[in-house]
Amino acid sequence: MTFALEEEKSGGGLGSALGLAGSLGLDLGGGGGSIFTGSNLTQLLKSRRMVEQTLLTSVNYKDKEISLAEMYIDINKFRDNWKEKPKLANIHFLPNTKRKYFTRVHDSILGSIYQGLSKRGLVVGQKDKKIAIINIDVSSTDELFAKYFCEALAKEVSDFYVATKSKKSRMNMLILERQTDSIRRELNGAITGVAIATDKTFNLNPALNVRRAPSSRRQVDVQANTAILTELVKQTELAKVTLRKETPLIQVIDRPILPLAKEHFGKAKGMIIGYFIFGFICVLVIIVKKYIKEALSS
């Protein structure tokens, strides 16, 4: 699978607006960091957390909904070796199970699968450093597992990356929305209070101004809350724009399509390697026999 990452660069009018918001003491999350760009993103794709979370993804295999971890175990016939081990015989990895419910044995098995995938089955990188296109290559003896795992890993990392990248902007937007709702409730209460106070002072003697004080105070509350609400609405809309600009776009270019390419030794290459291995074993046997004869003769 190949995909490209596009991030919106803050600047121009939005940068000026963010600067104005900053002068008012508001942090709208503009200018997000680049912790997951470039080589850091490739390391995230190969991280144990992302790989193990991907292994718990649900897939349809042999007309059953199982996790990729169970699929990997079935493909490699691990359970045939676990039949005589009570601790392992009843171990299962249900789809989308939270890690806090796993035992030490579960963690050990997942760690073993991760090591196997990271050493032999998973390659992540950029084929051309000048082009910002990231490649995910997954190798397996089962093409369905290779396809499912590749797609699930890309989705898992994409969701994590987008959520992390825009987390600050999303938190600020939620805070502003809560503040806006709170001020709106206060304003509605103040408007109702003005109406109640006005009803109480209807046809009041003009000389009794002290009875009009509650109505005046409520009107001040209405004016103050109106001004605050107007500013908060502006900042909330600006925060929404910032969130949209801070949310990166991960565009998939090529997806794995069945049947996948098969890699295996050709006859000539296999024969050459076989000759070398056979010759090495013969030399090793001769040397061992020689040392044994010398040891017996002495």
Foldseek 3Di string as FASTA:
>chain_A
DKWFWFAFADDDPLVVVQVVCVVVVAHLCFPFDPCCPDPNVQVVLLDLVLLLLQQLAWDQDPNDTAGLLVVVCVVVVVLVVCPPPVVPNPDGRGHPDDPVPDDPVVVVSSVVVSVVCSVPFWDWDDPDPVDRMIDIGGDDPDQVSRQSSRVSSVVSSLVVVQCVQLVSLVVSLVVLVVVLVVLVVQLVVLVVQLVVLCVVCVVNDPVPCVSCVSNVVSVVSNVVSVVVNVVSVVVSVSSVVSSVNRRMDMGDDDGDDPPDDDDDDDPVRVVVVVVVVVVVVVVVVVVVVVVVVVVVVD
